[in-house]
Protein backbone atom coordinates (compact mmCIF):
# COMPACT_ATOMS: atom_id res chain seq x y z
CA UNK A 1 7.78 29.92 62.43
CA UNK A 2 8.38 32.13 59.58
CA UNK A 3 5.53 34.88 58.74
CA UNK A 4 3.87 35.59 55.68
CA UNK A 5 4.33 38.97 53.79
CA UNK A 6 1.24 40.74 52.73
CA UNK A 7 2.76 40.72 48.98
CA UNK A 8 2.94 36.34 49.52
CA UNK A 9 -0.33 36.46 51.26
CA UNK A 10 -1.94 38.46 47.98
CA UNK A 11 -0.04 35.73 45.37
CA UNK A 12 -1.70 32.84 47.38
CA UNK A 13 -4.95 34.60 47.34
CA UNK A 14 -4.48 35.54 43.35
CA UNK A 15 -3.32 32.28 42.55
CA UNK A 16 -6.32 30.64 44.41
CA UNK A 17 -8.43 32.84 42.56
CA UNK A 18 -7.40 32.00 38.99
CA UNK A 19 -7.30 28.24 40.01
CA UNK A 20 -11.14 28.47 40.71
CA UNK A 21 -11.80 30.28 37.48
CA UNK A 22 -9.88 28.13 35.70
CA UNK A 23 -11.82 24.98 37.56
CA UNK A 24 -15.31 26.77 36.67
CA UNK A 25 -14.31 27.54 32.91
CA UNK A 26 -13.26 23.84 32.59
CA UNK A 27 -16.72 22.50 34.32
CA UNK A 28 -18.75 24.95 32.32
CA UNK A 29 -16.75 24.01 28.96
CA UNK A 30 -17.19 19.92 29.55
CA UNK A 31 -20.74 20.72 30.60
CA UNK A 32 -21.54 22.40 27.37
CA UNK A 33 -20.40 19.87 25.18
CA UNK A 34 -23.17 17.65 24.35
CA UNK A 35 -25.46 20.64 23.91
CA UNK A 36 -22.68 21.51 21.50
CA UNK A 37 -22.70 18.21 19.56
CA UNK A 38 -26.86 17.96 19.49
CA UNK A 39 -26.34 21.46 18.26
CA UNK A 40 -24.24 20.36 15.40
CA UNK A 41 -26.23 16.89 14.74
CA UNK A 42 -29.55 19.26 14.06
CA UNK A 43 -27.66 21.57 11.78
CA UNK A 44 -26.50 18.66 9.95
CA UNK A 45 -29.95 17.61 9.53
CA UNK A 46 -31.46 20.70 8.68
CA UNK A 47 -28.67 20.50 5.96
CA UNK A 48 -29.48 17.47 4.56
CA UNK A 49 -33.46 18.82 4.88
CA UNK A 50 -31.97 21.64 2.43
CA UNK A 51 -30.10 18.99 0.00
CA UNK A 52 -33.73 16.97 -0.22
CA UNK A 53 -35.50 20.03 -1.57
CA UNK A 54 -32.49 20.88 -3.83
CA UNK A 55 -31.37 23.86 -1.77
CA UNK A 56 -27.62 22.78 -2.15
CA UNK A 57 -25.96 25.71 -1.35
CA UNK A 58 -27.61 26.32 1.41
CA UNK A 59 -26.88 23.11 2.40
CA UNK A 60 -23.31 24.02 1.64
CA UNK A 61 -23.62 27.15 3.88
CA UNK A 62 -24.10 25.03 6.87
CA UNK A 63 -22.14 22.16 6.39
CA UNK A 64 -18.99 23.65 5.61
CA UNK A 65 -18.22 25.36 9.18
CA UNK A 66 -19.40 22.05 10.61
CA UNK A 67 -16.72 19.99 8.42
CA UNK A 68 -14.25 22.38 9.35
CA UNK A 69 -14.72 22.18 12.40
CA UNK A 70 -14.51 18.52 12.54
CA UNK A 71 -17.96 17.22 12.50
CA UNK A 72 -17.32 13.76 11.15
CA UNK A 73 -21.32 13.66 9.35
CA UNK A 74 -20.90 17.43 8.02
CA UNK A 75 -17.67 16.05 6.29
CA UNK A 76 -19.12 13.23 4.51
CA UNK A 77 -21.88 15.55 3.09
CA UNK A 78 -19.80 18.32 2.14
CA UNK A 79 -17.79 15.49 0.13
CA UNK A 80 -21.03 14.05 -1.27
CA UNK A 81 -21.66 17.67 -2.49
CA UNK A 82 -18.00 18.32 -3.80
CA UNK A 83 -17.80 15.00 -5.40
CA UNK A 84 -21.36 15.69 -7.38
CA UNK A 85 -20.87 18.96 -8.09
CA UNK A 86 -24.08 20.30 -6.05
CA UNK A 87 -23.90 24.16 -5.53
CA UNK A 88 -20.80 24.02 -6.33
CA UNK A 89 -18.36 22.90 -9.67
CA UNK A 90 -17.91 19.41 -9.45
CA UNK A 91 -14.65 18.31 -7.59
CA UNK A 92 -13.89 14.63 -6.92
CA UNK A 93 -10.38 15.48 -5.36
CA UNK A 94 -12.32 17.57 -2.61
CA UNK A 95 -15.03 14.97 -2.43
CA UNK A 96 -12.54 11.97 -1.87
CA UNK A 97 -10.75 14.10 0.75
CA UNK A 98 -13.63 15.00 2.62
CA UNK A 99 -14.96 11.51 2.98
CA UNK A 100 -11.45 9.90 3.68
CA UNK A 101 -11.45 12.17 6.43
CA UNK A 102 -14.66 11.45 7.66
CA UNK A 103 -13.99 7.44 7.27
CA UNK A 104 -10.59 7.75 8.83
CA UNK A 105 -13.15 8.83 12.03
CA UNK A 106 -15.50 5.59 11.53
CA UNK A 107 -18.10 6.72 9.55
CA UNK A 108 -19.50 3.85 7.28
CA UNK A 109 -21.28 5.74 5.11
CA UNK A 110 -18.35 7.82 4.04
CA UNK A 111 -16.40 4.47 3.54
CA UNK A 112 -19.71 3.53 1.06
CA UNK A 113 -19.77 6.56 -0.53
CA UNK A 114 -15.68 6.13 -1.38
CA UNK A 115 -16.89 2.50 -2.76
CA UNK A 116 -19.26 3.64 -5.13
CA UNK A 117 -17.14 6.82 -6.41
CA UNK A 118 -14.53 3.95 -6.95
CA UNK A 119 -16.73 1.37 -8.67
CA UNK A 120 -18.18 3.99 -10.82
CA UNK A 121 -15.26 5.67 -11.82
CA UNK A 122 -16.93 8.77 -10.89
CA UNK A 123 -14.59 11.82 -10.89
CA UNK A 124 -12.04 9.25 -10.34
CA UNK A 125 -10.23 6.45 -11.98
CA UNK A 126 -12.35 3.55 -11.77
CA UNK A 127 -10.41 0.58 -9.10
CA UNK A 128 -12.78 -2.02 -8.76
CA UNK A 129 -10.31 -3.77 -5.90
CA UNK A 130 -10.23 0.14 -4.11
CA UNK A 131 -14.01 0.00 -4.33
CA UNK A 132 -14.43 -3.60 -2.64
CA UNK A 133 -11.88 -2.53 0.05
CA UNK A 134 -14.06 0.29 0.96
CA UNK A 135 -17.26 -1.32 0.58
CA UNK A 136 -16.12 -4.27 2.77
CA UNK A 137 -15.50 -1.67 5.55
CA UNK A 138 -18.41 -0.31 4.78
CA UNK A 139 -20.51 -3.93 4.78
CA UNK A 140 -18.79 -4.84 8.39
CA UNK A 141 -20.06 -1.83 9.91
CA UNK A 142 -23.22 -2.80 9.14
CA UNK A 143 -24.28 -0.53 6.07
CA UNK A 144 -26.87 -2.56 3.96
CA UNK A 145 -26.23 -1.01 0.85
CA UNK A 146 -22.70 -1.80 0.68
CA UNK A 147 -23.27 -5.22 2.11
CA UNK A 148 -25.58 -5.67 -1.46
CA UNK A 149 -23.09 -4.50 -3.42
CA UNK A 150 -20.25 -6.39 -2.15
CA UNK A 151 -22.98 -9.30 -2.70
CA UNK A 152 -22.93 -8.11 -6.23
CA UNK A 153 -19.55 -7.89 -6.56
CA UNK A 154 -18.76 -11.50 -5.32
CA UNK A 155 -21.93 -12.76 -7.59
CA UNK A 156 -20.04 -11.74 -10.77
CA UNK A 157 -16.48 -11.46 -9.59
CA UNK A 158 -16.29 -8.09 -10.05
CA UNK A 159 -12.34 -7.31 -7.68
CA UNK A 160 -12.97 -11.02 -5.91
CA UNK A 161 -13.09 -14.26 -6.84
CA UNK A 162 -16.50 -15.52 -7.79
CA UNK A 163 -18.11 -16.60 -4.89
CA UNK A 164 -21.81 -17.60 -5.05
CA UNK A 165 -21.63 -18.76 -1.40
CA UNK A 166 -20.24 -15.39 -0.14
CA UNK A 167 -22.45 -13.04 -2.57
CA UNK A 168 -25.90 -14.72 -0.99
CA UNK A 169 -24.23 -14.45 2.48
CA UNK A 170 -24.03 -10.59 1.83
CA UNK A 171 -27.30 -10.31 -0.15
CA UNK A 172 -29.03 -12.20 2.88
CA UNK A 173 -27.29 -9.52 5.36
CA UNK A 174 -28.82 -6.73 3.35
CA UNK A 175 -32.02 -8.46 3.13
CA UNK A 176 -32.37 -8.74 6.87
CA UNK A 177 -32.03 -5.42 7.11
CA UNK A 178 -34.71 -4.07 4.68
CA UNK A 179 -32.68 -3.80 1.44
CA UNK A 180 -35.76 -5.14 -1.26
CA UNK A 181 -33.23 -5.34 -4.53
CA UNK A 182 -30.99 -7.18 -2.05
CA UNK A 183 -33.73 -9.67 -1.73
CA UNK A 184 -34.55 -10.44 -4.94
CA UNK A 185 -30.88 -10.73 -5.97
CA UNK A 186 -30.39 -13.33 -3.32
CA UNK A 187 -33.58 -15.30 -3.92
CA UNK A 188 -32.60 -15.05 -7.84
CA UNK A 189 -28.72 -17.16 -6.43
CA UNK A 190 -31.05 -19.33 -4.52
CA UNK A 191 -31.09 -22.42 -7.22
CA UNK A 192 -27.95 -22.19 -8.12
CA UNK A 193 -26.35 -23.13 -4.84
CA UNK A 194 -26.18 -26.56 -3.41
CA UNK A 195 -27.00 -27.51 0.37
CA UNK A 196 -23.62 -27.51 1.34
CA UNK A 197 -22.76 -24.30 -0.13
CA UNK A 198 -26.50 -22.73 1.32
CA UNK A 199 -25.20 -23.81 4.55
CA UNK A 200 -22.23 -22.43 4.23
CA UNK A 201 -23.57 -18.91 3.39
CA UNK A 202 -26.06 -19.06 6.35
CA UNK A 203 -23.05 -19.63 8.87
CA UNK A 204 -21.04 -16.62 6.94
CA UNK A 205 -24.26 -14.75 7.51
CA UNK A 206 -25.10 -15.29 10.61
CA UNK A 207 -21.32 -14.88 12.21
CA UNK A 208 -21.83 -11.12 10.25
CA UNK A 209 -17.62 -10.42 9.84
CA UNK A 210 -18.01 -12.08 6.25
CA UNK A 211 -13.89 -11.88 6.09
CA UNK A 212 -11.77 -14.01 4.58
CA UNK A 213 -10.57 -15.86 7.50
CA UNK A 214 -13.81 -17.03 8.60
CA UNK A 215 -14.30 -20.58 8.14
CA UNK A 216 -17.48 -22.76 7.54
CA UNK A 217 -18.87 -25.44 9.89
CA UNK A 218 -17.57 -28.85 9.31
CA UNK A 219 -19.77 -31.17 6.84
CA UNK A 220 -21.95 -32.82 9.66
CA UNK A 221 -23.21 -29.59 11.02
CA UNK A 222 -23.21 -28.03 7.40
CA UNK A 223 -25.71 -30.86 6.26
CA UNK A 224 -27.77 -30.35 9.26
CA UNK A 225 -28.03 -26.65 8.70
CA UNK A 226 -29.18 -26.99 5.15
CA UNK A 227 -32.40 -29.29 5.75
CA UNK A 228 -33.50 -26.46 8.42
CA UNK A 229 -32.97 -23.57 5.84
CA UNK A 230 -34.71 -25.98 3.41
CA UNK A 231 -37.39 -27.06 6.07
CA UNK A 232 -38.08 -23.08 7.09
CA UNK A 233 -38.77 -21.98 3.50
């Protein structure tokens, strides 16, 4: 049996020691991640508080390093500061870039803000169709403001074919999430809808997705649902 030399034993012990150190460091790193994310979240809240107090430069000082480190909420809020020229000169290009980065990570607020930029033509070329696409993403994600705005687009036929049924459905969803303006706009649409259209709107709102491939129920179930809605009002 081959004997292990002192040199070989040294390197074996050295490798084992380095491996133990690596495992310890990795464990500490993973254990620190939740605390780090909590700290970042608290920092974003602090930045938003500064923004609400009109301390835009202070908010920017907090948000900028977080955004560059990949914090999605910070990316969205930094985009807001850039797009609106708060604490800096207006820079729609930078604002859109931050919004798109956050939206790519699934941030619904970034989707909505992009939709509003293109809808109003604020610092960018107005593009209602592009606005509708971003608002649709945010609305499907559950954002009530985007649901209301999308309902208004369908009600007016802007960027989409005019469709009072889908308008009512989106407005109803937004109203159910506490948007009082959406509730008023929804109720204003009510007299223009037939019982069949109202039942289709209820079906779309209940299913939530509101995409073009959502099909309403058959005529019989529509009539029954419309009767139930009318009785409840």
